Amino acid sequence: MPVLDLNNPEFQRQLVALDKHERHAVISAIGKLLTLDWHALHRHSGFNWEEIKEREVRGPNGETLNSLRVTQKMRLVGYRNGHTLVLLSLHPDHDSAYGR
C-alpha cells in the first residue's frame, strides 16, 4: 500500500481553504487511498489515475505528475516516490490539474 505524504505546504493550504463538503470529500478519498495497493490504485476506476503529459508540468525534481479524481470536478495532483504517494495540490477545477 502507498504511504501518503501530505506535507506539501501548498496542498495543506488548499485543503484547509476548501468548504466543509469539499474537504470531507478529500479526506474520504485519502482514507480510501490508504486501503489500496499500487496495482489497485492504478486500476481503480473511481480515482482514474492519469499521468499528466504536459512537459511543463513536473514535480519539484522533475518527477512525472499524476492526477487522481476526488469528485466529478476535483482532482489531486501528486507523484510516486518509491512507496510514497506525495500529494502536491488540489484542483477544484478539473482542467487546472493539467496546467490548462
Protein backbone atom coordinates (compact mmCIF):
# COMPACT_ATOMS: atom_id res chain seq x y z
CA MET A 1 0.00 0.00 0.00
CA PRO A 2 1.22 3.51 -0.68
CA VAL A 3 2.39 5.70 2.14
CA LEU A 4 0.86 9.16 1.74
CA ASP A 5 2.91 12.33 2.11
CA LEU A 6 0.55 15.23 2.88
CA ASN A 7 3.30 17.62 3.98
CA ASN A 8 3.44 19.89 0.95
CA PRO A 9 2.55 23.41 2.17
CA GLU A 10 0.56 24.22 -0.98
CA PHE A 11 -1.54 21.06 -0.57
CA GLN A 12 -2.14 21.90 3.10
CA ARG A 13 -3.20 25.50 2.29
CA GLN A 14 -5.58 24.30 -0.40
CA LEU A 15 -7.06 21.61 1.85
CA VAL A 16 -7.89 23.94 4.73
CA ALA A 17 -9.32 26.55 2.31
CA LEU A 18 -11.94 24.12 0.98
CA ASP A 19 -15.50 24.32 2.18
CA LYS A 20 -16.67 21.62 4.57
CA HIS A 21 -18.26 19.43 1.87
CA GLU A 22 -15.19 19.54 -0.42
CA ARG A 23 -12.79 18.97 2.49
CA HIS A 24 -14.81 15.92 3.56
CA ALA A 25 -14.60 14.53 0.01
CA VAL A 26 -10.80 14.91 0.04
CA ILE A 27 -10.43 13.30 3.48
CA SER A 28 -12.68 10.44 2.37
CA ALA A 29 -10.55 9.94 -0.77
CA ILE A 30 -7.36 9.93 1.33
CA GLY A 31 -8.90 7.27 3.56
CA LYS A 32 -9.69 5.15 0.50
CA LEU A 33 -6.16 5.64 -0.87
CA LEU A 34 -4.79 4.14 2.35
CA THR A 35 -6.67 0.90 1.68
CA LEU A 36 -5.37 0.30 -1.87
CA ASP A 37 -2.11 -1.19 -3.06
CA TRP A 38 -0.37 0.42 -6.04
CA HIS A 39 -1.82 -2.02 -8.56
CA ALA A 40 -5.37 -1.46 -7.30
CA LEU A 41 -4.85 2.32 -7.26
CA HIS A 42 -3.73 2.37 -10.90
CA ARG A 43 -6.76 0.29 -11.91
CA HIS A 44 -9.34 1.96 -9.65
CA SER A 45 -11.99 3.48 -11.93
CA GLY A 46 -13.13 5.95 -9.27
CA PHE A 47 -9.70 7.55 -8.86
CA ASN A 48 -8.97 7.44 -12.61
CA TRP A 49 -5.17 7.67 -12.11
CA GLU A 50 -3.79 9.65 -15.06
CA GLU A 51 -0.29 10.74 -15.97
CA ILE A 52 -0.06 14.46 -16.70
CA LYS A 53 1.66 14.53 -20.05
CA GLU A 54 2.29 18.28 -20.39
CA ARG A 55 6.06 18.74 -20.35
CA GLU A 56 5.95 21.99 -18.39
CA VAL A 57 4.00 20.37 -15.54
CA ARG A 58 6.51 18.43 -13.40
CA GLY A 59 7.23 17.65 -9.78
CA PRO A 60 9.81 19.53 -7.69
CA ASN A 61 12.68 17.38 -9.01
CA GLY A 62 11.28 16.81 -12.50
CA GLU A 63 9.04 13.90 -11.49
CA THR A 64 6.17 12.89 -13.74
CA LEU A 65 2.97 14.03 -12.08
CA ASN A 66 -0.29 12.14 -11.89
CA SER A 67 -3.82 13.22 -11.16
CA LEU A 68 -6.48 11.36 -9.22
CA ARG A 69 -10.18 12.10 -9.23
CA VAL A 70 -11.61 13.08 -5.83
CA THR A 71 -15.03 14.20 -7.07
CA GLN A 72 -16.52 14.67 -10.51
CA LYS A 73 -14.85 18.09 -10.74
CA MET A 74 -11.95 17.96 -8.22
CA ARG A 75 -8.58 16.27 -8.69
CA LEU A 76 -5.48 15.65 -6.57
CA VAL A 77 -2.05 16.02 -8.16
CA GLY A 78 0.99 14.18 -6.90
CA TYR A 79 3.75 11.78 -7.80
CA ARG A 80 5.09 8.43 -6.75
CA ASN A 81 8.39 8.39 -4.90
CA GLY A 82 9.19 4.74 -4.18
CA HIS A 83 6.37 3.51 -1.92
CA THR A 84 5.19 7.03 -1.17
CA LEU A 85 2.46 8.99 -2.93
CA VAL A 86 3.42 12.64 -2.49
CA LEU A 87 0.36 14.89 -2.78
CA LEU A 88 1.21 18.33 -4.12
CA SER A 89 -2.02 20.14 -4.89
CA LEU A 90 -5.79 20.10 -5.09
CA HIS A 91 -7.69 21.31 -8.12
CA PRO A 92 -11.37 22.11 -7.64
CA ASP A 93 -11.43 22.93 -11.37
CA HIS A 94 -10.60 19.61 -13.08
CA ASP A 95 -8.73 21.21 -16.02
CA SER A 96 -6.37 23.21 -13.78
CA ALA A 97 -4.74 19.92 -12.71
CA TYR A 98 -3.35 19.63 -16.24
CA GLY A 99 -1.86 23.11 -16.44
CA ARG A 100 -4.71 24.46 -18.58
